[in-house]
Amino acid sequence: MQVPVNLVTSEYYKDELAYQQIIDESRNAGRAGSKIIFEQDNHFLTMEFPRENQKSGIVGEINFYCPSDARRDLKRKIDLNDQGRQSFELSKLLPGRYTAKIRWESAGIKYYQEEPIIISNR
């Protein structure tokens, strides 16, 4: 029996460039002390950007990726308050494990961060 196996995607070069971009953007987030902090209470999950990024404005999006069920994924634009924080209602996220994938730009520099999030029963 012979079964053809394709080890490389047809978009290999494009995929490689996208992966390298994530690596570069992750390095930017780590270098500048730009780590986003998450806090969770009974009603909200709040993310806070470091002061360094807040000075020049931030544009981007956050994707709450649920590896066990794509229907639970949630994508939102970054819309920070005056303190550099943004809150998400826990009622919009079902209990379970997520990866918060944040991609943003500040002062012409692109950043990327992934953070594991566990939403517990409320």
PDB file of N, CA and C in Angstrom:
ATOM      1  N   MET A   1       0.845  -1.187   0.000  1.00  0.00           N
ATOM      2  CA  MET A   1       0.000   0.000   0.000  1.00  0.00           C
ATOM      3  C   MET A   1       0.879   1.236   0.000  1.00  0.00           C
ATOM      4  N   GLN A   2       0.511   2.151  -0.798  1.00  0.00           N
ATOM      5  CA  GLN A   2       1.226   3.425  -0.833  1.00  0.00           C
ATOM      6  C   GLN A   2       0.209   4.544  -0.674  1.00  0.00           C
ATOM      7  N   VAL A   3       0.499   5.407   0.280  1.00  0.00           N
ATOM      8  CA  VAL A   3      -0.343   6.562   0.519  1.00  0.00           C
ATOM      9  C   VAL A   3       0.525   7.801   0.355  1.00  0.00           C
ATOM     10  N   PRO A   4       0.136   8.698  -0.518  1.00  0.00           N
ATOM     11  CA  PRO A   4       0.944   9.908  -0.684  1.00  0.00           C
ATOM     12  C   PRO A   4       0.890  10.763   0.572  1.00  0.00           C
ATOM     13  N   VAL A   5       2.036  11.261   0.970  1.00  0.00           N
ATOM     14  CA  VAL A   5       2.118  12.118   2.149  1.00  0.00           C
ATOM     15  C   VAL A   5       2.760  13.431   1.731  1.00  0.00           C
ATOM     16  N   ASN A   6       2.086  14.508   2.026  1.00  0.00           N
ATOM     17  CA  ASN A   6       2.630  15.832   1.743  1.00  0.00           C
ATOM     18  C   ASN A   6       3.119  16.429   3.056  1.00  0.00           C
ATOM     19  N   LEU A   7       4.421  16.555   3.192  1.00  0.00           N
ATOM     20  CA  LEU A   7       4.984  17.092   4.416  1.00  0.00           C
ATOM     21  C   LEU A   7       5.070  18.610   4.405  1.00  0.00           C
ATOM     22  N   VAL A   8       4.965  19.205   3.255  1.00  0.00           N
ATOM     23  CA  VAL A   8       5.095  20.646   3.121  1.00  0.00           C
ATOM     24  C   VAL A   8       3.816  21.196   2.524  1.00  0.00           C
ATOM     25  N   THR A   9       3.317  22.298   3.100  1.00  0.00           N
ATOM     26  CA  THR A   9       2.111  22.897   2.542  1.00  0.00           C
ATOM     27  C   THR A   9       2.432  23.566   1.223  1.00  0.00           C
ATOM     28  N   SER A  10       1.415  23.790   0.431  1.00  0.00           N
ATOM     29  CA  SER A  10       1.613  24.477  -0.840  1.00  0.00           C
ATOM     30  C   SER A  10       1.978  25.940  -0.626  1.00  0.00           C
ATOM     31  N   GLU A  11       1.705  26.458   0.559  1.00  0.00           N
ATOM     32  CA  GLU A  11       2.007  27.846   0.906  1.00  0.00           C
ATOM     33  C   GLU A  11       3.209  27.908   1.850  1.00  0.00           C
ATOM     34  N   TYR A  12       4.152  27.014   1.670  1.00  0.00           N
ATOM     35  CA  TYR A  12       5.278  26.889   2.607  1.00  0.00           C
ATOM     36  C   TYR A  12       6.020  28.203   2.807  1.00  0.00           C
ATOM     37  N   TYR A  13       6.386  28.868   1.734  1.00  0.00           N
ATOM     38  CA  TYR A  13       7.170  30.102   1.848  1.00  0.00           C
ATOM     39  C   TYR A  13       6.370  31.193   2.561  1.00  0.00           C
ATOM     40  N   LYS A  14       5.121  31.327   2.181  1.00  0.00           N
ATOM     41  CA  LYS A  14       4.238  32.313   2.811  1.00  0.00           C
ATOM     42  C   LYS A  14       4.065  32.001   4.299  1.00  0.00           C
ATOM     43  N   ASP A  15       3.850  30.732   4.637  1.00  0.00           N
ATOM     44  CA  ASP A  15       3.701  30.322   6.035  1.00  0.00           C
ATOM     45  C   ASP A  15       4.973  30.592   6.823  1.00  0.00           C
ATOM     46  N   GLU A  16       6.127  30.352   6.221  1.00  0.00           N
ATOM     47  CA  GLU A  16       7.403  30.587   6.887  1.00  0.00           C
ATOM     48  C   GLU A  16       7.596  32.071   7.188  1.00  0.00           C
ATOM     49  N   LEU A  17       7.231  32.930   6.260  1.00  0.00           N
ATOM     50  CA  LEU A  17       7.346  34.372   6.475  1.00  0.00           C
ATOM     51  C   LEU A  17       6.412  34.833   7.600  1.00  0.00           C
ATOM     52  N   ALA A  18       5.198  34.299   7.635  1.00  0.00           N
ATOM     53  CA  ALA A  18       4.251  34.657   8.692  1.00  0.00           C
ATOM     54  C   ALA A  18       4.775  34.203  10.047  1.00  0.00           C
ATOM     55  N   TYR A  19       5.362  33.020  10.110  1.00  0.00           N
ATOM     56  CA  TYR A  19       5.909  32.507  11.363  1.00  0.00           C
ATOM     57  C   TYR A  19       7.089  33.361  11.824  1.00  0.00           C
ATOM     58  N   GLN A  20       7.939  33.764  10.897  1.00  0.00           N
ATOM     59  CA  GLN A  20       9.073  34.626  11.247  1.00  0.00           C
ATOM     60  C   GLN A  20       8.591  35.976  11.761  1.00  0.00           C
ATOM     61  N   GLN A  21       7.511  36.472  11.193  1.00  0.00           N
ATOM     62  CA  GLN A  21       6.939  37.741  11.657  1.00  0.00           C
ATOM     63  C   GLN A  21       6.470  37.617  13.109  1.00  0.00           C
ATOM     64  N   ILE A  22       5.842  36.505  13.459  1.00  0.00           N
ATOM     65  CA  ILE A  22       5.400  36.280  14.844  1.00  0.00           C
ATOM     66  C   ILE A  22       6.603  36.226  15.774  1.00  0.00           C
ATOM     67  N   ILE A  23       7.673  35.566  15.352  1.00  0.00           N
ATOM     68  CA  ILE A  23       8.898  35.494  16.166  1.00  0.00           C
ATOM     69  C   ILE A  23       9.444  36.904  16.403  1.00  0.00           C
ATOM     70  N   ASP A  24       9.540  37.703  15.357  1.00  0.00           N
ATOM     71  CA  ASP A  24      10.064  39.059  15.478  1.00  0.00           C
ATOM     72  C   ASP A  24       9.186  39.923  16.383  1.00  0.00           C
ATOM     73  N   GLU A  25       7.882  39.831  16.210  1.00  0.00           N
ATOM     74  CA  GLU A  25       6.961  40.625  17.018  1.00  0.00           C
ATOM     75  C   GLU A  25       6.982  40.175  18.477  1.00  0.00           C
ATOM     76  N   SER A  26       7.168  38.885  18.731  1.00  0.00           N
ATOM     77  CA  SER A  26       7.282  38.380  20.103  1.00  0.00           C
ATOM     78  C   SER A  26       8.549  38.904  20.763  1.00  0.00           C
ATOM     79  N   ARG A  27       9.638  38.950  20.002  1.00  0.00           N
ATOM     80  CA  ARG A  27      10.886  39.522  20.531  1.00  0.00           C
ATOM     81  C   ARG A  27      10.701  40.983  20.908  1.00  0.00           C
ATOM     82  N   ASN A  28       9.987  41.731  20.069  1.00  0.00           N
ATOM     83  CA  ASN A  28       9.724  43.139  20.372  1.00  0.00           C
ATOM     84  C   ASN A  28       8.974  43.274  21.690  1.00  0.00           C
ATOM     85  N   ALA A  29       8.004  42.419  21.905  1.00  0.00           N
ATOM     86  CA  ALA A  29       7.220  42.476  23.144  1.00  0.00           C
ATOM     87  C   ALA A  29       8.092  42.143  24.351  1.00  0.00           C
ATOM     88  N   GLY A  30       9.005  41.209  24.194  1.00  0.00           N
ATOM     89  CA  GLY A  30       9.872  40.823  25.306  1.00  0.00           C
ATOM     90  C   GLY A  30      10.957  41.839  25.609  1.00  0.00           C
ATOM     91  N   ARG A  31      11.490  42.480  24.594  1.00  0.00           N
ATOM     92  CA  ARG A  31      12.594  43.434  24.759  1.00  0.00           C
ATOM     93  C   ARG A  31      12.187  44.701  25.480  1.00  0.00           C
ATOM     94  N   ALA A  32      11.083  45.240  25.101  1.00  0.00           N
ATOM     95  CA  ALA A  32      10.717  46.569  25.572  1.00  0.00           C
ATOM     96  C   ALA A  32       9.993  46.532  26.915  1.00  0.00           C
ATOM     97  N   GLY A  33       9.977  45.391  27.582  1.00  0.00           N
ATOM     98  CA  GLY A  33       9.211  45.303  28.819  1.00  0.00           C
ATOM     99  C   GLY A  33       7.742  45.532  28.542  1.00  0.00           C
ATOM    100  N   SER A  34       7.289  45.013  27.412  1.00  0.00           N
ATOM    101  CA  SER A  34       5.943  45.295  26.937  1.00  0.00           C
ATOM    102  C   SER A  34       4.955  44.175  27.241  1.00  0.00           C
ATOM    103  N   LYS A  35       5.217  43.402  28.241  1.00  0.00           N
ATOM    104  CA  LYS A  35       4.347  42.269  28.546  1.00  0.00           C
ATOM    105  C   LYS A  35       2.989  42.749  29.068  1.00  0.00           C
ATOM    106  N   ILE A  36       1.963  42.204  28.505  1.00  0.00           N
ATOM    107  CA  ILE A  36       0.597  42.517  28.906  1.00  0.00           C
ATOM    108  C   ILE A  36       0.255  41.654  30.120  1.00  0.00           C
ATOM    109  N   ILE A  37      -0.409  42.247  31.084  1.00  0.00           N
ATOM    110  CA  ILE A  37      -0.789  41.550  32.312  1.00  0.00           C
ATOM    111  C   ILE A  37      -2.291  41.293  32.280  1.00  0.00           C
ATOM    112  N   PHE A  38      -2.696  40.089  32.680  1.00  0.00           N
ATOM    113  CA  PHE A  38      -4.109  39.725  32.742  1.00  0.00           C
ATOM    114  C   PHE A  38      -4.532  39.531  34.189  1.00  0.00           C
ATOM    115  N   GLU A  39      -5.735  39.992  34.505  1.00  0.00           N
ATOM    116  CA  GLU A  39      -6.354  39.780  35.811  1.00  0.00           C
ATOM    117  C   GLU A  39      -7.775  39.285  35.569  1.00  0.00           C
ATOM    118  N   GLN A  40      -8.255  38.421  36.482  1.00  0.00           N
ATOM    119  CA  GLN A  40      -9.596  37.871  36.325  1.00  0.00           C
ATOM    120  C   GLN A  40     -10.319  37.968  37.658  1.00  0.00           C
ATOM    121  N   ASP A  41     -11.557  38.461  37.631  1.00  0.00           N
ATOM    122  CA  ASP A  41     -12.393  38.428  38.820  1.00  0.00           C
ATOM    123  C   ASP A  41     -13.652  37.641  38.470  1.00  0.00           C
ATOM    124  N   ASN A  42     -14.715  37.803  39.214  1.00  0.00           N
ATOM    125  CA  ASN A  42     -15.923  37.004  38.977  1.00  0.00           C
ATOM    126  C   ASN A  42     -16.675  37.378  37.704  1.00  0.00           C
ATOM    127  N   HIS A  43     -16.449  38.592  37.197  1.00  0.00           N
ATOM    128  CA  HIS A  43     -17.241  39.050  36.056  1.00  0.00           C
ATOM    129  C   HIS A  43     -16.428  39.442  34.828  1.00  0.00           C
ATOM    130  N   PHE A  44     -15.147  39.785  35.030  1.00  0.00           N
ATOM    131  CA  PHE A  44     -14.356  40.301  33.920  1.00  0.00           C
ATOM    132  C   PHE A  44     -12.957  39.693  33.866  1.00  0.00           C
ATOM    133  N   LEU A  45     -12.449  39.610  32.649  1.00  0.00           N
ATOM    134  CA  LEU A  45     -11.044  39.334  32.399  1.00  0.00           C
ATOM    135  C   LEU A  45     -10.488  40.648  31.876  1.00  0.00           C
ATOM    136  N   THR A  46      -9.467  41.179  32.547  1.00  0.00           N
ATOM    137  CA  THR A  46      -8.927  42.486  32.190  1.00  0.00           C
ATOM    138  C   THR A  46      -7.474  42.346  31.769  1.00  0.00           C
ATOM    139  N   MET A  47      -7.124  42.992  30.668  1.00  0.00           N
ATOM    140  CA  MET A  47      -5.725  43.033  30.246  1.00  0.00           C
ATOM    141  C   MET A  47      -5.228  44.466  30.403  1.00  0.00           C
ATOM    142  N   GLU A  48      -3.962  44.580  30.818  1.00  0.00           N
ATOM    143  CA  GLU A  48      -3.357  45.891  31.012  1.00  0.00           C
ATOM    144  C   GLU A  48      -2.052  45.976  30.243  1.00  0.00           C
ATOM    145  N   PHE A  49      -1.943  47.005  29.420  1.00  0.00           N
ATOM    146  CA  PHE A  49      -0.727  47.240  28.650  1.00  0.00           C
ATOM    147  C   PHE A  49       0.258  48.048  29.479  1.00  0.00           C
ATOM    148  N   PRO A  50       1.541  47.829  29.260  1.00  0.00           N
ATOM    149  CA  PRO A  50       2.550  48.617  29.976  1.00  0.00           C
ATOM    150  C   PRO A  50       2.509  50.088  29.553  1.00  0.00           C
ATOM    151  N   ARG A  51       2.905  50.947  30.452  1.00  0.00           N
ATOM    152  CA  ARG A  51       2.895  52.397  30.207  1.00  0.00           C
ATOM    153  C   ARG A  51       3.689  52.788  28.965  1.00  0.00           C
ATOM    154  N   GLU A  52       4.805  52.102  28.697  1.00  0.00           N
ATOM    155  CA  GLU A  52       5.647  52.442  27.552  1.00  0.00           C
ATOM    156  C   GLU A  52       4.859  52.421  26.251  1.00  0.00           C
ATOM    157  N   ASN A  53       3.951  51.458  26.113  1.00  0.00           N
ATOM    158  CA  ASN A  53       3.168  51.336  24.883  1.00  0.00           C
ATOM    159  C   ASN A  53       2.003  52.318  24.834  1.00  0.00           C
ATOM    160  N   GLN A  54       1.516  52.732  25.980  1.00  0.00           N
ATOM    161  CA  GLN A  54       0.327  53.571  26.022  1.00  0.00           C
ATOM    162  C   GLN A  54       0.579  54.986  25.522  1.00  0.00           C
ATOM    163  N   LYS A  55       1.795  55.461  25.620  1.00  0.00           N
ATOM    164  CA  LYS A  55       2.102  56.856  25.295  1.00  0.00           C
ATOM    165  C   LYS A  55       1.850  57.192  23.834  1.00  0.00           C
ATOM    166  N   SER A  56       2.091  56.266  22.948  1.00  0.00           N
ATOM    167  CA  SER A  56       1.971  56.573  21.525  1.00  0.00           C
ATOM    168  C   SER A  56       0.729  55.962  20.885  1.00  0.00           C
ATOM    169  N   GLY A  57      -0.157  55.450  21.668  1.00  0.00           N
ATOM    170  CA  GLY A  57      -1.371  54.858  21.122  1.00  0.00           C
ATOM    171  C   GLY A  57      -1.149  53.419  20.689  1.00  0.00           C
ATOM    172  N   ILE A  58      -2.188  52.626  20.798  1.00  0.00           N
ATOM    173  CA  ILE A  58      -2.104  51.199  20.490  1.00  0.00           C
ATOM    174  C   ILE A  58      -3.264  50.833  19.570  1.00  0.00           C
ATOM    175  N   VAL A  59      -2.937  50.115  18.519  1.00  0.00           N
ATOM    176  CA  VAL A  59      -3.952  49.535  17.638  1.00  0.00           C
ATOM    177  C   VAL A  59      -3.651  48.052  17.489  1.00  0.00           C
ATOM    178  N   GLY A  60      -4.691  47.265  17.437  1.00  0.00           N
ATOM    179  CA  GLY A  60      -4.478  45.837  17.266  1.00  0.00           C
ATOM    180  C   GLY A  60      -5.722  45.048  17.616  1.00  0.00           C
ATOM    181  N   GLU A  61      -5.519  43.746  17.833  1.00  0.00           N
ATOM    182  CA  GLU A  61      -6.643  42.892  18.198  1.00  0.00           C
ATOM    183  C   GLU A  61      -6.181  41.763  19.104  1.00  0.00           C
ATOM    184  N   ILE A  62      -7.165  41.216  19.797  1.00  0.00           N
ATOM    185  CA  ILE A  62      -6.909  40.067  20.665  1.00  0.00           C
ATOM    186  C   ILE A  62      -7.831  38.940  20.215  1.00  0.00           C
ATOM    187  N   ASN A  63      -7.262  37.750  20.162  1.00  0.00           N
ATOM    188  CA  ASN A  63      -8.019  36.565  19.782  1.00  0.00           C
ATOM    189  C   ASN A  63      -7.956  35.580  20.937  1.00  0.00           C
ATOM    190  N   PHE A  64      -9.109  35.278  21.516  1.00  0.00           N
ATOM    191  CA  PHE A  64      -9.183  34.234  22.528  1.00  0.00           C
ATOM    192  C   PHE A  64      -9.409  32.928  21.774  1.00  0.00           C
ATOM    193  N   TYR A  65      -8.365  32.146  21.665  1.00  0.00           N
ATOM    194  CA  TYR A  65      -8.371  30.902  20.893  1.00  0.00           C
ATOM    195  C   TYR A  65      -8.610  29.731  21.845  1.00  0.00           C
ATOM    196  N   CYS A  66      -9.633  28.941  21.560  1.00  0.00           N
ATOM    197  CA  CYS A  66      -9.945  27.754  22.353  1.00  0.00           C
ATOM    198  C   CYS A  66      -9.552  26.519  21.543  1.00  0.00           C
ATOM    199  N   PRO A  67      -8.466  25.841  21.947  1.00  0.00           N
ATOM    200  CA  PRO A  67      -7.977  24.714  21.140  1.00  0.00           C
ATOM    201  C   PRO A  67      -8.943  23.534  21.054  1.00  0.00           C
ATOM    202  N   SER A  68      -9.856  23.411  22.026  1.00  0.00           N
ATOM    203  CA  SER A  68     -10.754  22.258  22.020  1.00  0.00           C
ATOM    204  C   SER A  68     -12.045  22.492  21.236  1.00  0.00           C
ATOM    205  N   ASP A  69     -12.364  23.771  20.931  1.00  0.00           N
ATOM    206  CA  ASP A  69     -13.628  24.051  20.251  1.00  0.00           C
ATOM    207  C   ASP A  69     -13.560  25.423  19.578  1.00  0.00           C
ATOM    208  N   ALA A  70     -13.417  25.439  18.276  1.00  0.00           N
ATOM    209  CA  ALA A  70     -13.278  26.693  17.527  1.00  0.00           C
ATOM    210  C   ALA A  70     -14.503  27.590  17.675  1.00  0.00           C
ATOM    211  N   ARG A  71     -15.648  27.024  18.007  1.00  0.00           N
ATOM    212  CA  ARG A  71     -16.856  27.832  18.177  1.00  0.00           C
ATOM    213  C   ARG A  71     -16.758  28.745  19.402  1.00  0.00           C
ATOM    214  N   ARG A  72     -15.835  28.437  20.309  1.00  0.00           N
ATOM    215  CA  ARG A  72     -15.646  29.261  21.510  1.00  0.00           C
ATOM    216  C   ARG A  72     -14.688  30.431  21.280  1.00  0.00           C
ATOM    217  N   ASP A  73     -14.014  30.438  20.139  1.00  0.00           N
ATOM    218  CA  ASP A  73     -13.068  31.519  19.857  1.00  0.00           C
ATOM    219  C   ASP A  73     -13.781  32.871  19.881  1.00  0.00           C
ATOM    220  N   LEU A  74     -13.045  33.888  20.318  1.00  0.00           N
ATOM    221  CA  LEU A  74     -13.592  35.243  20.385  1.00  0.00           C
ATOM    222  C   LEU A  74     -12.511  36.216  19.951  1.00  0.00           C
ATOM    223  N   LYS A  75     -12.836  37.084  19.019  1.00  0.00           N
ATOM    224  CA  LYS A  75     -11.866  38.056  18.504  1.00  0.00           C
ATOM    225  C   LYS A  75     -12.420  39.453  18.739  1.00  0.00           C
ATOM    226  N   ARG A  76     -11.560  40.340  19.280  1.00  0.00           N
ATOM    227  CA  ARG A  76     -11.959  41.719  19.560  1.00  0.00           C
ATOM    228  C   ARG A  76     -10.839  42.687  19.187  1.00  0.00           C
ATOM    229  N   LYS A  77     -11.216  43.884  18.798  1.00  0.00           N
ATOM    230  CA  LYS A  77     -10.255  44.966  18.573  1.00  0.00           C
ATOM    231  C   LYS A  77      -9.778  45.472  19.934  1.00  0.00           C
ATOM    232  N   ILE A  78      -8.554  45.936  19.982  1.00  0.00           N
ATOM    233  CA  ILE A  78      -8.040  46.527  21.208  1.00  0.00           C
ATOM    234  C   ILE A  78      -8.632  47.926  21.336  1.00  0.00           C
ATOM    235  N   ASP A  79      -9.239  48.187  22.490  1.00  0.00           N
ATOM    236  CA  ASP A  79      -9.878  49.470  22.774  1.00  0.00           C
ATOM    237  C   ASP A  79      -9.623  49.788  24.246  1.00  0.00           C
ATOM    238  N   LEU A  80      -8.484  50.399  24.520  1.00  0.00           N
ATOM    239  CA  LEU A  80      -8.046  50.627  25.892  1.00  0.00           C
ATOM    240  C   LEU A  80      -8.693  51.860  26.507  1.00  0.00           C
ATOM    241  N   ASN A  81      -8.877  51.810  27.832  1.00  0.00           N
ATOM    242  CA  ASN A  81      -9.345  52.990  28.547  1.00  0.00           C
ATOM    243  C   ASN A  81      -8.147  53.880  28.874  1.00  0.00           C
ATOM    244  N   ASP A  82      -8.359  54.941  29.643  1.00  0.00           N
ATOM    245  CA  ASP A  82      -7.290  55.900  29.960  1.00  0.00           C
ATOM    246  C   ASP A  82      -6.157  55.288  30.782  1.00  0.00           C
ATOM    247  N   GLN A  83      -6.423  54.201  31.464  1.00  0.00           N
ATOM    248  CA  GLN A  83      -5.400  53.529  32.264  1.00  0.00           C
ATOM    249  C   GLN A  83      -4.681  52.420  31.492  1.00  0.00           C
ATOM    250  N   GLY A  84      -4.959  52.309  30.207  1.00  0.00           N
ATOM    251  CA  GLY A  84      -4.311  51.286  29.386  1.00  0.00           C
ATOM    252  C   GLY A  84      -4.858  49.892  29.637  1.00  0.00           C
ATOM    253  N   ARG A  85      -6.127  49.832  30.022  1.00  0.00           N
ATOM    254  CA  ARG A  85      -6.765  48.545  30.339  1.00  0.00           C
ATOM    255  C   ARG A  85      -7.971  48.310  29.427  1.00  0.00           C
ATOM    256  N   GLN A  86      -8.274  47.039  29.241  1.00  0.00           N
ATOM    257  CA  GLN A  86      -9.479  46.646  28.526  1.00  0.00           C
ATOM    258  C   GLN A  86     -10.048  45.421  29.214  1.00  0.00           C
ATOM    259  N   SER A  87     -11.367  45.451  29.444  1.00  0.00           N
ATOM    260  CA  SER A  87     -12.027  44.340  30.130  1.00  0.00           C
ATOM    261  C   SER A  87     -12.950  43.602  29.175  1.00  0.00           C
ATOM    262  N   PHE A  88     -13.044  42.297  29.403  1.00  0.00           N
ATOM    263  CA  PHE A  88     -13.905  41.426  28.613  1.00  0.00           C
ATOM    264  C   PHE A  88     -14.851  40.712  29.570  1.00  0.00           C
ATOM    265  N   GLU A  89     -16.124  40.724  29.254  1.00  0.00           N
ATOM    266  CA  GLU A  89     -17.104  40.058  30.100  1.00  0.00           C
ATOM    267  C   GLU A  89     -16.882  38.550  30.053  1.00  0.00           C
ATOM    268  N   LEU A  90     -16.793  37.938  31.221  1.00  0.00           N
ATOM    269  CA  LEU A  90     -16.598  36.491  31.273  1.00  0.00           C
ATOM    270  C   LEU A  90     -17.818  35.745  30.742  1.00  0.00           C
ATOM    271  N   SER A  91     -18.981  36.395  30.740  1.00  0.00           N
ATOM    272  CA  SER A  91     -20.180  35.750  30.198  1.00  0.00           C
ATOM    273  C   SER A  91     -20.046  35.487  28.696  1.00  0.00           C
ATOM    274  N   LYS A  92     -19.117  36.177  28.026  1.00  0.00           N
ATOM    275  CA  LYS A  92     -18.885  35.973  26.589  1.00  0.00           C
ATOM    276  C   LYS A  92     -17.919  34.813  26.321  1.00  0.00           C
ATOM    277  N   LEU A  93     -17.246  34.336  27.376  1.00  0.00           N
ATOM    278  CA  LEU A  93     -16.296  33.228  27.239  1.00  0.00           C
ATOM    279  C   LEU A  93     -16.781  32.053  28.088  1.00  0.00           C
ATOM    280  N   LEU A  94     -17.002  30.925  27.466  1.00  0.00           N
ATOM    281  CA  LEU A  94     -17.412  29.737  28.213  1.00  0.00           C
ATOM    282  C   LEU A  94     -16.228  29.226  29.034  1.00  0.00           C
ATOM    283  N   PRO A  95     -16.485  28.577  30.156  1.00  0.00           N
ATOM    284  CA  PRO A  95     -15.382  28.031  30.953  1.00  0.00           C
ATOM    285  C   PRO A  95     -14.523  27.085  30.131  1.00  0.00           C
ATOM    286  N   GLY A  96     -13.230  27.155  30.369  1.00  0.00           N
ATOM    287  CA  GLY A  96     -12.298  26.294  29.655  1.00  0.00           C
ATOM    288  C   GLY A  96     -10.946  26.948  29.481  1.00  0.00           C
ATOM    289  N   ARG A  97     -10.106  26.288  28.710  1.00  0.00           N
ATOM    290  CA  ARG A  97      -8.741  26.756  28.457  1.00  0.00           C
ATOM    291  C   ARG A  97      -8.707  27.529  27.136  1.00  0.00           C
ATOM    292  N   TYR A  98      -8.057  28.691  27.180  1.00  0.00           N
ATOM    293  CA  TYR A  98      -7.892  29.544  26.008  1.00  0.00           C
ATOM    294  C   TYR A  98      -6.430  29.963  25.900  1.00  0.00           C
ATOM    295  N   THR A  99      -6.069  30.419  24.729  1.00  0.00           N
ATOM    296  CA  THR A  99      -4.804  31.116  24.532  1.00  0.00           C
ATOM    297  C   THR A  99      -5.168  32.497  24.015  1.00  0.00           C
ATOM    298  N   ALA A 100      -4.782  33.519  24.782  1.00  0.00           N
ATOM    299  CA  ALA A 100      -5.003  34.889  24.329  1.00  0.00           C
ATOM    300  C   ALA A 100      -3.856  35.233  23.385  1.00  0.00           C
ATOM    301  N   LYS A 101      -4.174  35.520  22.134  1.00  0.00           N
ATOM    302  CA  LYS A 101      -3.176  35.885  21.132  1.00  0.00           C
ATOM    303  C   LYS A 101      -3.380  37.355  20.824  1.00  0.00           C
ATOM    304  N   ILE A 102      -2.429  38.174  21.288  1.00  0.00           N
ATOM    305  CA  ILE A 102      -2.555  39.621  21.153  1.00  0.00           C
ATOM    306  C   ILE A 102      -1.536  40.122  20.151  1.00  0.00           C
ATOM    307  N   ARG A 103      -2.021  40.845  19.169  1.00  0.00           N
ATOM    308  CA  ARG A 103      -1.155  41.440  18.149  1.00  0.00           C
ATOM    309  C   ARG A 103      -1.489  42.933  18.123  1.00  0.00           C
ATOM    310  N   TRP A 104      -0.441  43.767  18.343  1.00  0.00           N
ATOM    311  CA  TRP A 104      -0.675  45.203  18.376  1.00  0.00           C
ATOM    312  C   TRP A 104       0.502  45.966  17.805  1.00  0.00           C
ATOM    313  N   GLU A 105       0.237  47.242  17.552  1.00  0.00           N
ATOM    314  CA  GLU A 105       1.266  48.128  17.046  1.00  0.00           C
ATOM    315  C   GLU A 105       1.248  49.406  17.869  1.00  0.00           C
ATOM    316  N   SER A 106       2.442  49.890  18.186  1.00  0.00           N
ATOM    317  CA  SER A 106       2.599  51.123  18.948  1.00  0.00           C
ATOM    318  C   SER A 106       3.862  51.820  18.458  1.00  0.00           C
ATOM    319  N   ALA A 107       3.752  53.106  18.122  1.00  0.00           N
ATOM    320  CA  ALA A 107       4.879  53.900  17.629  1.00  0.00           C
ATOM    321  C   ALA A 107       5.570  53.237  16.435  1.00  0.00           C
ATOM    322  N   GLY A 108       4.783  52.604  15.567  1.00  0.00           N
ATOM    323  CA  GLY A 108       5.335  51.997  14.364  1.00  0.00           C
ATOM    324  C   GLY A 108       5.997  50.650  14.580  1.00  0.00           C
ATOM    325  N   ILE A 109       5.988  50.141  15.805  1.00  0.00           N
ATOM    326  CA  ILE A 109       6.591  48.840  16.109  1.00  0.00           C
ATOM    327  C   ILE A 109       5.472  47.833  16.341  1.00  0.00           C
ATOM    328  N   LYS A 110       5.624  46.649  15.744  1.00  0.00           N
ATOM    329  CA  LYS A 110       4.619  45.595  15.886  1.00  0.00           C
ATOM    330  C   LYS A 110       5.028  44.636  16.997  1.00  0.00           C
ATOM    331  N   TYR A 111       4.019  44.195  17.753  1.00  0.00           N
ATOM    332  CA  TYR A 111       4.229  43.304  18.891  1.00  0.00           C
ATOM    333  C   TYR A 111       3.266  42.122  18.808  1.00  0.00           C
ATOM    334  N   TYR A 112       3.666  41.033  19.467  1.00  0.00           N
ATOM    335  CA  TYR A 112       2.804  39.845  19.549  1.00  0.00           C
ATOM    336  C   TYR A 112       3.068  39.153  20.882  1.00  0.00           C
ATOM    337  N   GLN A 113       1.993  38.727  21.516  1.00  0.00           N
ATOM    338  CA  GLN A 113       2.116  37.986  22.777  1.00  0.00           C
ATOM    339  C   GLN A 113       1.027  36.936  22.841  1.00  0.00           C
ATOM    340  N   GLU A 114       1.389  35.774  23.355  1.00  0.00           N
ATOM    341  CA  GLU A 114       0.421  34.724  23.654  1.00  0.00           C
ATOM    342  C   GLU A 114       0.425  34.483  25.153  1.00  0.00           C
ATOM    343  N   GLU A 115      -0.751  34.300  25.703  1.00  0.00           N
ATOM    344  CA  GLU A 115      -0.874  34.092  27.139  1.00  0.00           C
ATOM    345  C   GLU A 115      -1.942  33.027  27.406  1.00  0.00           C
ATOM    346  N   PRO A 116      -1.592  31.981  28.171  1.00  0.00           N
ATOM    347  CA  PRO A 116      -2.625  30.983  28.498  1.00  0.00           C
ATOM    348  C   PRO A 116      -3.624  31.570  29.497  1.00  0.00           C
ATOM    349  N   ILE A 117      -4.897  31.301  29.259  1.00  0.00           N
ATOM    350  CA  ILE A 117      -5.974  31.805  30.098  1.00  0.00           C
ATOM    351  C   ILE A 117      -6.885  30.626  30.435  1.00  0.00           C
ATOM    352  N   ILE A 118      -7.258  30.524  31.690  1.00  0.00           N
ATOM    353  CA  ILE A 118      -8.244  29.510  32.082  1.00  0.00           C
ATOM    354  C   ILE A 118      -9.443  30.241  32.659  1.00  0.00           C
ATOM    355  N   ILE A 119     -10.582  30.041  32.035  1.00  0.00           N
ATOM    356  CA  ILE A 119     -11.834  30.620  32.511  1.00  0.00           C
ATOM    357  C   ILE A 119     -12.508  29.542  33.347  1.00  0.00           C
ATOM    358  N   SER A 120     -12.686  29.831  34.625  1.00  0.00           N
ATOM    359  CA  SER A 120     -13.287  28.830  35.514  1.00  0.00           C
ATOM    360  C   SER A 120     -14.799  29.065  35.611  1.00  0.00           C
ATOM    361  N   ASN A 121     -15.476  28.081  36.161  1.00  0.00           N
ATOM    362  CA  ASN A 121     -16.927  28.207  36.369  1.00  0.00           C
ATOM    363  C   ASN A 121     -17.194  29.360  37.314  1.00  0.00           C
ATOM    364  N   ARG A 122     -18.209  30.121  36.997  1.00  0.00           N
ATOM    365  CA  ARG A 122     -18.545  31.268  37.844  1.00  0.00           C
ATOM    366  C   ARG A 122     -19.760  30.966  38.654  1.00  0.00           C
TER     367      ARG A 122
END
